Every structure is written in structure tokens, then in C-alpha cells.
Amino acid sequence: MATLYISEYQDVANTGYIGIQVPLEPPLAEQTITISGSSTQCTNAFNEKTKFVRLQTDTPCSVLFGTNPTATTSKGRLPFDCVEFRGVPVGLGYKVAVISN
């Protein structure tokens, strides 16, 4: 079963002097979406404090963000075994939708 793993974050880690480019653990929330040939949204809107998400996919797919997104194969493609970070607007009830590609 192909899956998109979603981790939601609010902040980056801090060395005491500067922020570094890694998410501050633990995530605010985690979700998964089963990837299929039709667009599927995550069940829950992102946490109102979420500023960026980590996406990990175990199959090629396309994703789209929005308040009611419908992913198509012409949208942002993620390759097999990809890990990617994306920024999202805070507090707008955003979700991500995914479709196999």
C-alpha cells in the first residue's frame, strides 16, 4: 500500500544563537494518506500553529495544498522515496491532497 506521510511543524531547532534548518521535534501532528489513482485529502486540516510540513512518499505522486484541494497528475510531483518540506499558511485550515503519478 502506497502512503504519503505528513508531519506538521511550527518551529526550527535553535542552537541558542541561531535557528538551524531542521524541524524542532516533536511534530505538532502526524497523518498518513493512502495514495491511489484518485485524489485523496488528509483527514484533518493542519494544526492552526503549523508553519511547515514534512512529506515523505514511498511511491511517485503529485500533491496539492489548499482548504479543499484536489490533486491531479499535473500538479507538484514527488518522486519515489522522496522527503520534502513545504511551508503552509498558518491558521487557514489547509490540507494536502495526493494522487499517484
PDB file of N, CA and C in Angstrom:
ATOM      1  N   MET A   1       0.844  -1.181   0.000  1.00  0.00           N
ATOM      2  CA  MET A   1       0.000   0.000   0.000  1.00  0.00           C
ATOM      3  C   MET A   1       0.888   1.242   0.000  1.00  0.00           C
ATOM      4  N   ALA A   2       0.713   2.090  -0.993  1.00  0.00           N
ATOM      5  CA  ALA A   2       1.484   3.326  -1.098  1.00  0.00           C
ATOM      6  C   ALA A   2       0.938   4.359  -0.111  1.00  0.00           C
ATOM      7  N   THR A   3       1.851   5.103   0.511  1.00  0.00           N
ATOM      8  CA  THR A   3       1.448   6.020   1.583  1.00  0.00           C
ATOM      9  C   THR A   3       2.208   7.341   1.488  1.00  0.00           C
ATOM     10  N   LEU A   4       1.507   8.443   1.771  1.00  0.00           N
ATOM     11  CA  LEU A   4       2.132   9.747   1.985  1.00  0.00           C
ATOM     12  C   LEU A   4       2.106  10.001   3.482  1.00  0.00           C
ATOM     13  N   TYR A   5       3.281  10.224   4.060  1.00  0.00           N
ATOM     14  CA  TYR A   5       3.418  10.505   5.489  1.00  0.00           C
ATOM     15  C   TYR A   5       3.574  12.014   5.658  1.00  0.00           C
ATOM     16  N   ILE A   6       2.816  12.598   6.581  1.00  0.00           N
ATOM     17  CA  ILE A   6       2.802  14.046   6.794  1.00  0.00           C
ATOM     18  C   ILE A   6       3.126  14.335   8.250  1.00  0.00           C
ATOM     19  N   SER A   7       4.151  15.152   8.482  1.00  0.00           N
ATOM     20  CA  SER A   7       4.481  15.624   9.832  1.00  0.00           C
ATOM     21  C   SER A   7       4.367  17.140   9.819  1.00  0.00           C
ATOM     22  N   GLU A   8       3.693  17.704  10.821  1.00  0.00           N
ATOM     23  CA  GLU A   8       3.464  19.147  10.893  1.00  0.00           C
ATOM     24  C   GLU A   8       4.381  19.779  11.939  1.00  0.00           C
ATOM     25  N   TYR A   9       4.977  20.916  11.575  1.00  0.00           N
ATOM     26  CA  TYR A   9       5.908  21.600  12.474  1.00  0.00           C
ATOM     27  C   TYR A   9       5.598  23.089  12.575  1.00  0.00           C
ATOM     28  N   GLN A  10       5.963  23.646  13.728  1.00  0.00           N
ATOM     29  CA  GLN A  10       5.793  25.080  13.969  1.00  0.00           C
ATOM     30  C   GLN A  10       7.125  25.810  13.919  1.00  0.00           C
ATOM     31  N   ASP A  11       8.201  25.189  14.407  1.00  0.00           N
ATOM     32  CA  ASP A  11       9.474  25.880  14.550  1.00  0.00           C
ATOM     33  C   ASP A  11      10.644  25.042  14.047  1.00  0.00           C
ATOM     34  N   VAL A  12      11.763  25.736  13.819  1.00  0.00           N
ATOM     35  CA  VAL A  12      13.021  25.055  13.529  1.00  0.00           C
ATOM     36  C   VAL A  12      13.838  24.998  14.811  1.00  0.00           C
ATOM     37  N   ALA A  13      14.772  24.063  14.857  1.00  0.00           N
ATOM     38  CA  ALA A  13      15.632  23.929  16.035  1.00  0.00           C
ATOM     39  C   ALA A  13      16.510  25.167  16.187  1.00  0.00           C
ATOM     40  N   ASN A  14      16.983  25.398  17.400  1.00  0.00           N
ATOM     41  CA  ASN A  14      17.784  26.581  17.695  1.00  0.00           C
ATOM     42  C   ASN A  14      19.001  26.165  18.496  1.00  0.00           C
ATOM     43  N   THR A  15      20.175  26.676  18.120  1.00  0.00           N
ATOM     44  CA  THR A  15      21.408  26.350  18.827  1.00  0.00           C
ATOM     45  C   THR A  15      21.642  27.255  20.022  1.00  0.00           C
ATOM     46  N   GLY A  16      20.753  28.186  20.263  1.00  0.00           N
ATOM     47  CA  GLY A  16      20.935  29.169  21.322  1.00  0.00           C
ATOM     48  C   GLY A  16      21.319  30.527  20.749  1.00  0.00           C
ATOM     49  N   TYR A  17      21.840  30.509  19.532  1.00  0.00           N
ATOM     50  CA  TYR A  17      22.243  31.748  18.863  1.00  0.00           C
ATOM     51  C   TYR A  17      21.478  31.950  17.559  1.00  0.00           C
ATOM     52  N   ILE A  18      21.330  30.867  16.814  1.00  0.00           N
ATOM     53  CA  ILE A  18      20.654  30.957  15.521  1.00  0.00           C
ATOM     54  C   ILE A  18      19.766  29.733  15.321  1.00  0.00           C
ATOM     55  N   GLY A  19      18.729  29.904  14.504  1.00  0.00           N
ATOM     56  CA  GLY A  19      17.913  28.767  14.101  1.00  0.00           C
ATOM     57  C   GLY A  19      18.667  27.951  13.068  1.00  0.00           C
ATOM     58  N   ILE A  20      18.492  26.661  13.098  1.00  0.00           N
ATOM     59  CA  ILE A  20      19.122  25.814  12.098  1.00  0.00           C
ATOM     60  C   ILE A  20      18.041  25.141  11.263  1.00  0.00           C
ATOM     61  N   GLN A  21      18.392  24.681  10.095  1.00  0.00           N
ATOM     62  CA  GLN A  21      17.402  24.223   9.129  1.00  0.00           C
ATOM     63  C   GLN A  21      16.979  22.776   9.351  1.00  0.00           C
ATOM     64  N   VAL A  22      16.501  22.499  10.544  1.00  0.00           N
ATOM     65  CA  VAL A  22      15.897  21.204  10.864  1.00  0.00           C
ATOM     66  C   VAL A  22      14.658  21.480  11.712  1.00  0.00           C
ATOM     67  N   PRO A  23      13.626  20.660  11.561  1.00  0.00           N
ATOM     68  CA  PRO A  23      12.415  20.899  12.351  1.00  0.00           C
ATOM     69  C   PRO A  23      12.633  20.598  13.820  1.00  0.00           C
ATOM     70  N   LEU A  24      11.966  21.364  14.652  1.00  0.00           N
ATOM     71  CA  LEU A  24      12.006  21.144  16.092  1.00  0.00           C
ATOM     72  C   LEU A  24      11.024  20.025  16.440  1.00  0.00           C
ATOM     73  N   GLU A  25      11.560  18.946  16.975  1.00  0.00           N
ATOM     74  CA  GLU A  25      10.732  17.790  17.357  1.00  0.00           C
ATOM     75  C   GLU A  25      10.136  18.004  18.735  1.00  0.00           C
ATOM     76  N   PRO A  26       9.042  17.406  19.068  1.00  0.00           N
ATOM     77  CA  PRO A  26       8.237  16.522  18.236  1.00  0.00           C
ATOM     78  C   PRO A  26       7.325  17.326  17.319  1.00  0.00           C
ATOM     79  N   PRO A  27       6.798  16.682  16.272  1.00  0.00           N
ATOM     80  CA  PRO A  27       5.861  17.381  15.397  1.00  0.00           C
ATOM     81  C   PRO A  27       4.570  17.729  16.135  1.00  0.00           C
ATOM     82  N   LEU A  28       3.885  18.749  15.651  1.00  0.00           N
ATOM     83  CA  LEU A  28       2.583  19.128  16.218  1.00  0.00           C
ATOM     84  C   LEU A  28       1.545  18.037  15.958  1.00  0.00           C
ATOM     85  N   ALA A  29       1.640  17.425  14.798  1.00  0.00           N
ATOM     86  CA  ALA A  29       0.690  16.366  14.415  1.00  0.00           C
ATOM     87  C   ALA A  29       1.319  15.528  13.315  1.00  0.00           C
ATOM     88  N   GLU A  30       0.809  14.313  13.162  1.00  0.00           N
ATOM     89  CA  GLU A  30       1.236  13.427  12.085  1.00  0.00           C
ATOM     90  C   GLU A  30       0.005  12.762  11.487  1.00  0.00           C
ATOM     91  N   GLN A  31       0.026  12.614  10.163  1.00  0.00           N
ATOM     92  CA  GLN A  31      -1.066  11.969   9.449  1.00  0.00           C
ATOM     93  C   GLN A  31      -0.485  11.119   8.329  1.00  0.00           C
ATOM     94  N   THR A  32      -1.281  10.210   7.813  1.00  0.00           N
ATOM     95  CA  THR A  32      -0.918   9.467   6.618  1.00  0.00           C
ATOM     96  C   THR A  32      -2.105   9.481   5.665  1.00  0.00           C
ATOM     97  N   ILE A  33      -1.794   9.380   4.375  1.00  0.00           N
ATOM     98  CA  ILE A  33      -2.821   9.260   3.347  1.00  0.00           C
ATOM     99  C   ILE A  33      -2.436   8.078   2.469  1.00  0.00           C
ATOM    100  N   THR A  34      -3.386   7.199   2.213  1.00  0.00           N
ATOM    101  CA  THR A  34      -3.165   6.124   1.257  1.00  0.00           C
ATOM    102  C   THR A  34      -3.216   6.722  -0.147  1.00  0.00           C
ATOM    103  N   ILE A  35      -2.187   6.441  -0.937  1.00  0.00           N
ATOM    104  CA  ILE A  35      -2.076   7.001  -2.284  1.00  0.00           C
ATOM    105  C   ILE A  35      -2.725   6.043  -3.272  1.00  0.00           C
ATOM    106  N   SER A  36      -3.607   6.601  -4.119  1.00  0.00           N
ATOM    107  CA  SER A  36      -4.281   5.785  -5.125  1.00  0.00           C
ATOM    108  C   SER A  36      -4.386   6.573  -6.430  1.00  0.00           C
ATOM    109  N   GLY A  37      -5.146   6.051  -7.357  1.00  0.00           N
ATOM    110  CA  GLY A  37      -5.313   6.688  -8.658  1.00  0.00           C
ATOM    111  C   GLY A  37      -6.313   7.820  -8.669  1.00  0.00           C
ATOM    112  N   SER A  38      -6.923   8.114  -7.523  1.00  0.00           N
ATOM    113  CA  SER A  38      -7.810   9.268  -7.415  1.00  0.00           C
ATOM    114  C   SER A  38      -7.337  10.162  -6.273  1.00  0.00           C
ATOM    115  N   SER A  39      -7.661  11.436  -6.368  1.00  0.00           N
ATOM    116  CA  SER A  39      -7.223  12.403  -5.366  1.00  0.00           C
ATOM    117  C   SER A  39      -7.824  12.086  -4.001  1.00  0.00           C
ATOM    118  N   THR A  40      -6.967  12.087  -2.982  1.00  0.00           N
ATOM    119  CA  THR A  40      -7.407  11.857  -1.606  1.00  0.00           C
ATOM    120  C   THR A  40      -6.805  12.926  -0.706  1.00  0.00           C
ATOM    121  N   GLN A  41      -7.634  13.566   0.125  1.00  0.00           N
ATOM    122  CA  GLN A  41      -7.159  14.581   1.074  1.00  0.00           C
ATOM    123  C   GLN A  41      -6.817  13.938   2.404  1.00  0.00           C
ATOM    124  N   CYS A  42      -5.930  14.618   3.164  1.00  0.00           N
ATOM    125  CA  CYS A  42      -5.717  14.196   4.543  1.00  0.00           C
ATOM    126  C   CYS A  42      -7.027  14.373   5.299  1.00  0.00           C
ATOM    127  N   THR A  43      -7.235  13.566   6.309  1.00  0.00           N
ATOM    128  CA  THR A  43      -8.491  13.577   7.054  1.00  0.00           C
ATOM    129  C   THR A  43      -8.693  14.874   7.815  1.00  0.00           C
ATOM    130  N   ASN A  44      -7.638  15.362   8.463  1.00  0.00           N
ATOM    131  CA  ASN A  44      -7.738  16.553   9.309  1.00  0.00           C
ATOM    132  C   ASN A  44      -7.005  17.728   8.684  1.00  0.00           C
ATOM    133  N   ALA A  45      -7.583  18.926   8.837  1.00  0.00           N
ATOM    134  CA  ALA A  45      -6.867  20.140   8.450  1.00  0.00           C
ATOM    135  C   ALA A  45      -5.640  20.267   9.340  1.00  0.00           C
ATOM    136  N   PHE A  46      -4.623  20.963   8.839  1.00  0.00           N
ATOM    137  CA  PHE A  46      -3.397  21.141   9.613  1.00  0.00           C
ATOM    138  C   PHE A  46      -3.694  21.897  10.910  1.00  0.00           C
ATOM    139  N   ASN A  47      -2.885  21.613  11.929  1.00  0.00           N
ATOM    140  CA  ASN A  47      -2.968  22.315  13.195  1.00  0.00           C
ATOM    141  C   ASN A  47      -2.881  23.815  12.935  1.00  0.00           C
ATOM    142  N   GLU A  48      -3.613  24.614  13.697  1.00  0.00           N
ATOM    143  CA  GLU A  48      -3.616  26.070  13.467  1.00  0.00           C
ATOM    144  C   GLU A  48      -2.253  26.717  13.669  1.00  0.00           C
ATOM    145  N   LYS A  49      -1.314  26.028  14.323  1.00  0.00           N
ATOM    146  CA  LYS A  49       0.037  26.559  14.534  1.00  0.00           C
ATOM    147  C   LYS A  49       1.050  26.055  13.504  1.00  0.00           C
ATOM    148  N   THR A  50       0.658  25.139  12.641  1.00  0.00           N
ATOM    149  CA  THR A  50       1.581  24.555  11.668  1.00  0.00           C
ATOM    150  C   THR A  50       2.063  25.601  10.675  1.00  0.00           C
ATOM    151  N   LYS A  51       3.396  25.686  10.510  1.00  0.00           N
ATOM    152  CA  LYS A  51       4.010  26.608   9.554  1.00  0.00           C
ATOM    153  C   LYS A  51       4.639  25.874   8.373  1.00  0.00           C
ATOM    154  N   PHE A  52       5.051  24.627   8.613  1.00  0.00           N
ATOM    155  CA  PHE A  52       5.593  23.838   7.506  1.00  0.00           C
ATOM    156  C   PHE A  52       5.373  22.361   7.776  1.00  0.00           C
ATOM    157  N   VAL A  53       5.363  21.596   6.693  1.00  0.00           N
ATOM    158  CA  VAL A  53       5.122  20.163   6.799  1.00  0.00           C
ATOM    159  C   VAL A  53       6.267  19.397   6.152  1.00  0.00           C
ATOM    160  N   ARG A  54       6.480  18.202   6.656  1.00  0.00           N
ATOM    161  CA  ARG A  54       7.427  17.261   6.064  1.00  0.00           C
ATOM    162  C   ARG A  54       6.595  16.198   5.371  1.00  0.00           C
ATOM    163  N   LEU A  55       6.843  16.008   4.072  1.00  0.00           N
ATOM    164  CA  LEU A  55       6.144  14.995   3.298  1.00  0.00           C
ATOM    165  C   LEU A  55       7.124  13.889   2.954  1.00  0.00           C
ATOM    166  N   GLN A  56       6.719  12.651   3.137  1.00  0.00           N
ATOM    167  CA  GLN A  56       7.537  11.521   2.723  1.00  0.00           C
ATOM    168  C   GLN A  56       6.627  10.560   1.974  1.00  0.00           C
ATOM    169  N   THR A  57       7.072  10.155   0.794  1.00  0.00           N
ATOM    170  CA  THR A  57       6.278   9.253  -0.024  1.00  0.00           C
ATOM    171  C   THR A  57       7.088   8.029  -0.402  1.00  0.00           C
ATOM    172  N   ASP A  58       6.425   6.884  -0.482  1.00  0.00           N
ATOM    173  CA  ASP A  58       7.112   5.666  -0.878  1.00  0.00           C
ATOM    174  C   ASP A  58       6.759   5.261  -2.310  1.00  0.00           C
ATOM    175  N   THR A  59       6.139   6.208  -3.053  1.00  0.00           N
ATOM    176  CA  THR A  59       5.809   5.979  -4.462  1.00  0.00           C
ATOM    177  C   THR A  59       5.706   7.329  -5.165  1.00  0.00           C
ATOM    178  N   PRO A  60       5.916   7.399  -6.482  1.00  0.00           N
ATOM    179  CA  PRO A  60       5.719   8.673  -7.171  1.00  0.00           C
ATOM    180  C   PRO A  60       4.277   9.159  -7.028  1.00  0.00           C
ATOM    181  N   CYS A  61       4.131  10.445  -6.736  1.00  0.00           N
ATOM    182  CA  CYS A  61       2.792  11.003  -6.550  1.00  0.00           C
ATOM    183  C   CYS A  61       2.820  12.501  -6.823  1.00  0.00           C
ATOM    184  N   SER A  62       1.648  13.097  -6.894  1.00  0.00           N
ATOM    185  CA  SER A  62       1.514  14.546  -7.018  1.00  0.00           C
ATOM    186  C   SER A  62       0.690  15.046  -5.846  1.00  0.00           C
ATOM    187  N   VAL A  63       1.020  16.244  -5.344  1.00  0.00           N
ATOM    188  CA  VAL A  63       0.323  16.817  -4.198  1.00  0.00           C
ATOM    189  C   VAL A  63      -0.172  18.212  -4.515  1.00  0.00           C
ATOM    190  N   LEU A  64      -1.213  18.619  -3.808  1.00  0.00           N
ATOM    191  CA  LEU A  64      -1.740  19.969  -3.920  1.00  0.00           C
ATOM    192  C   LEU A  64      -2.237  20.387  -2.544  1.00  0.00           C
ATOM    193  N   PHE A  65      -1.937  21.631  -2.145  1.00  0.00           N
ATOM    194  CA  PHE A  65      -2.351  22.179  -0.854  1.00  0.00           C
ATOM    195  C   PHE A  65      -3.504  23.147  -1.052  1.00  0.00           C
ATOM    196  N   GLY A  66      -4.364  23.274  -0.036  1.00  0.00           N
ATOM    197  CA  GLY A  66      -5.461  24.236  -0.065  1.00  0.00           C
ATOM    198  C   GLY A  66      -6.465  23.894   1.011  1.00  0.00           C
ATOM    199  N   THR A  67      -7.562  24.643   1.062  1.00  0.00           N
ATOM    200  CA  THR A  67      -8.599  24.363   2.054  1.00  0.00           C
ATOM    201  C   THR A  67      -9.484  23.199   1.623  1.00  0.00           C
ATOM    202  N   ASN A  68      -9.541  22.933   0.323  1.00  0.00           N
ATOM    203  CA  ASN A  68     -10.287  21.791  -0.211  1.00  0.00           C
ATOM    204  C   ASN A  68      -9.602  21.342  -1.510  1.00  0.00           C
ATOM    205  N   PRO A  69      -8.353  20.874  -1.419  1.00  0.00           N
ATOM    206  CA  PRO A  69      -7.573  20.598  -2.632  1.00  0.00           C
ATOM    207  C   PRO A  69      -7.984  19.303  -3.333  1.00  0.00           C
ATOM    208  N   THR A  70      -7.824  19.302  -4.643  1.00  0.00           N
ATOM    209  CA  THR A  70      -7.980  18.097  -5.455  1.00  0.00           C
ATOM    210  C   THR A  70      -6.701  17.950  -6.277  1.00  0.00           C
ATOM    211  N   ALA A  71      -5.893  16.965  -5.948  1.00  0.00           N
ATOM    212  CA  ALA A  71      -4.627  16.754  -6.643  1.00  0.00           C
ATOM    213  C   ALA A  71      -4.879  16.147  -8.020  1.00  0.00           C
ATOM    214  N   THR A  72      -4.051  16.551  -8.982  1.00  0.00           N
ATOM    215  CA  THR A  72      -4.045  15.946 -10.307  1.00  0.00           C
ATOM    216  C   THR A  72      -2.602  15.613 -10.650  1.00  0.00           C
ATOM    217  N   THR A  73      -2.412  14.793 -11.654  1.00  0.00           N
ATOM    218  CA  THR A  73      -1.054  14.385 -12.025  1.00  0.00           C
ATOM    219  C   THR A  73      -0.258  15.518 -12.657  1.00  0.00           C
ATOM    220  N   SER A  74      -0.890  16.649 -12.947  1.00  0.00           N
ATOM    221  CA  SER A  74      -0.160  17.800 -13.489  1.00  0.00           C
ATOM    222  C   SER A  74       0.322  18.747 -12.391  1.00  0.00           C
ATOM    223  N   LYS A  75       0.012  18.451 -11.132  1.00  0.00           N
ATOM    224  CA  LYS A  75       0.445  19.288 -10.007  1.00  0.00           C
ATOM    225  C   LYS A  75       1.803  18.837  -9.492  1.00  0.00           C
ATOM    226  N   GLY A  76       2.307  19.468  -8.427  1.00  0.00           N
ATOM    227  CA  GLY A  76       3.639  19.225  -7.883  1.00  0.00           C
ATOM    228  C   GLY A  76       3.953  17.748  -7.657  1.00  0.00           C
ATOM    229  N   ARG A  77       4.876  17.208  -8.438  1.00  0.00           N
ATOM    230  CA  ARG A  77       5.199  15.783  -8.387  1.00  0.00           C
ATOM    231  C   ARG A  77       6.318  15.514  -7.386  1.00  0.00           C
ATOM    232  N   LEU A  78       6.155  14.447  -6.630  1.00  0.00           N
ATOM    233  CA  LEU A  78       7.187  13.962  -5.721  1.00  0.00           C
ATOM    234  C   LEU A  78       7.660  12.608  -6.234  1.00  0.00           C
ATOM    235  N   PRO A  79       8.964  12.383  -6.338  1.00  0.00           N
ATOM    236  CA  PRO A  79       9.465  11.097  -6.832  1.00  0.00           C
ATOM    237  C   PRO A  79       9.429  10.016  -5.755  1.00  0.00           C
ATOM    238  N   PHE A  80       9.675   8.791  -6.168  1.00  0.00           N
ATOM    239  CA  PHE A  80       9.758   7.642  -5.274  1.00  0.00           C
ATOM    240  C   PHE A  80      10.719   7.921  -4.126  1.00  0.00           C
ATOM    241  N   ASP A  81      10.337   7.558  -2.923  1.00  0.00           N
ATOM    242  CA  ASP A  81      11.169   7.647  -1.720  1.00  0.00           C
ATOM    243  C   ASP A  81      11.656   9.069  -1.442  1.00  0.00           C
ATOM    244  N   CYS A  82      10.803  10.025  -1.680  1.00  0.00           N
ATOM    245  CA  CYS A  82      11.126  11.446  -1.527  1.00  0.00           C
ATOM    246  C   CYS A  82      10.776  11.940  -0.127  1.00  0.00           C
ATOM    247  N   VAL A  83      11.605  12.852   0.394  1.00  0.00           N
ATOM    248  CA  VAL A  83      11.282  13.605   1.602  1.00  0.00           C
ATOM    249  C   VAL A  83      11.402  15.074   1.239  1.00  0.00           C
ATOM    250  N   GLU A  84      10.334  15.828   1.476  1.00  0.00           N
ATOM    251  CA  GLU A  84      10.330  17.236   1.102  1.00  0.00           C
ATOM    252  C   GLU A  84       9.610  18.050   2.171  1.00  0.00           C
ATOM    253  N   PHE A  85      10.058  19.295   2.368  1.00  0.00           N
ATOM    254  CA  PHE A  85       9.419  20.219   3.300  1.00  0.00           C
ATOM    255  C   PHE A  85       8.692  21.281   2.498  1.00  0.00           C
ATOM    256  N   ARG A  86       7.496  21.653   2.963  1.00  0.00           N
ATOM    257  CA  ARG A  86       6.717  22.706   2.325  1.00  0.00           C
ATOM    258  C   ARG A  86       6.150  23.634   3.390  1.00  0.00           C
ATOM    259  N   GLY A  87       6.223  24.941   3.148  1.00  0.00           N
ATOM    260  CA  GLY A  87       5.610  25.920   4.034  1.00  0.00           C
ATOM    261  C   GLY A  87       4.126  26.029   3.757  1.00  0.00           C
ATOM    262  N   VAL A  88       3.334  26.271   4.805  1.00  0.00           N
ATOM    263  CA  VAL A  88       1.887  26.417   4.649  1.00  0.00           C
ATOM    264  C   VAL A  88       1.405  27.629   5.442  1.00  0.00           C
ATOM    265  N   PRO A  89       0.340  28.293   4.979  1.00  0.00           N
ATOM    266  CA  PRO A  89      -0.211  29.419   5.729  1.00  0.00           C
ATOM    267  C   PRO A  89      -0.717  28.968   7.097  1.00  0.00           C
ATOM    268  N   VAL A  90      -0.479  29.767   8.091  1.00  0.00           N
ATOM    269  CA  VAL A  90      -0.885  29.448   9.464  1.00  0.00           C
ATOM    270  C   VAL A  90      -2.368  29.748   9.657  1.00  0.00           C
ATOM    271  N   GLY A  91      -3.069  28.813  10.293  1.00  0.00           N
ATOM    272  CA  GLY A  91      -4.439  29.044  10.737  1.00  0.00           C
ATOM    273  C   GLY A  91      -5.507  29.140   9.672  1.00  0.00           C
ATOM    274  N   LEU A  92      -5.251  28.672   8.455  1.00  0.00           N
ATOM    275  CA  LEU A  92      -6.253  28.788   7.396  1.00  0.00           C
ATOM    276  C   LEU A  92      -6.981  27.476   7.100  1.00  0.00           C
ATOM    277  N   GLY A  93      -6.722  26.445   7.890  1.00  0.00           N
ATOM    278  CA  GLY A  93      -7.413  25.179   7.688  1.00  0.00           C
ATOM    279  C   GLY A  93      -6.944  24.425   6.457  1.00  0.00           C
ATOM    280  N   TYR A  94      -5.667  24.572   6.116  1.00  0.00           N
ATOM    281  CA  TYR A  94      -5.125  23.903   4.933  1.00  0.00           C
ATOM    282  C   TYR A  94      -5.036  22.399   5.120  1.00  0.00           C
ATOM    283  N   LYS A  95      -5.139  21.703   3.984  1.00  0.00           N
ATOM    284  CA  LYS A  95      -4.957  20.258   3.887  1.00  0.00           C
ATOM    285  C   LYS A  95      -4.037  19.995   2.701  1.00  0.00           C
ATOM    286  N   VAL A  96      -3.634  18.751   2.546  1.00  0.00           N
ATOM    287  CA  VAL A  96      -2.916  18.332   1.352  1.00  0.00           C
ATOM    288  C   VAL A  96      -3.693  17.183   0.730  1.00  0.00           C
ATOM    289  N   ALA A  97      -3.738  17.169  -0.602  1.00  0.00           N
ATOM    290  CA  ALA A  97      -4.345  16.069  -1.338  1.00  0.00           C
ATOM    291  C   ALA A  97      -3.245  15.407  -2.156  1.00  0.00           C
ATOM    292  N   VAL A  98      -3.393  14.102  -2.413  1.00  0.00           N
ATOM    293  CA  VAL A  98      -2.380  13.345  -3.128  1.00  0.00           C
ATOM    294  C   VAL A  98      -3.025  12.396  -4.130  1.00  0.00           C
ATOM    295  N   ILE A  99      -2.303  12.134  -5.226  1.00  0.00           N
ATOM    296  CA  ILE A  99      -2.728  11.181  -6.248  1.00  0.00           C
ATOM    297  C   ILE A  99      -1.486  10.485  -6.778  1.00  0.00           C
ATOM    298  N   SER A 100      -1.590   9.231  -7.132  1.00  0.00           N
ATOM    299  CA  SER A 100      -0.425   8.519  -7.673  1.00  0.00           C
ATOM    300  C   SER A 100      -0.049   9.120  -9.018  1.00  0.00           C
ATOM    301  N   ASN A 101       1.252   9.081  -9.317  1.00  0.00           N
ATOM    302  CA  ASN A 101       1.750   9.674 -10.560  1.00  0.00           C
ATOM    303  C   ASN A 101       3.009   8.934 -10.982  1.00  0.00           C
TER     304      ASN A 101
END
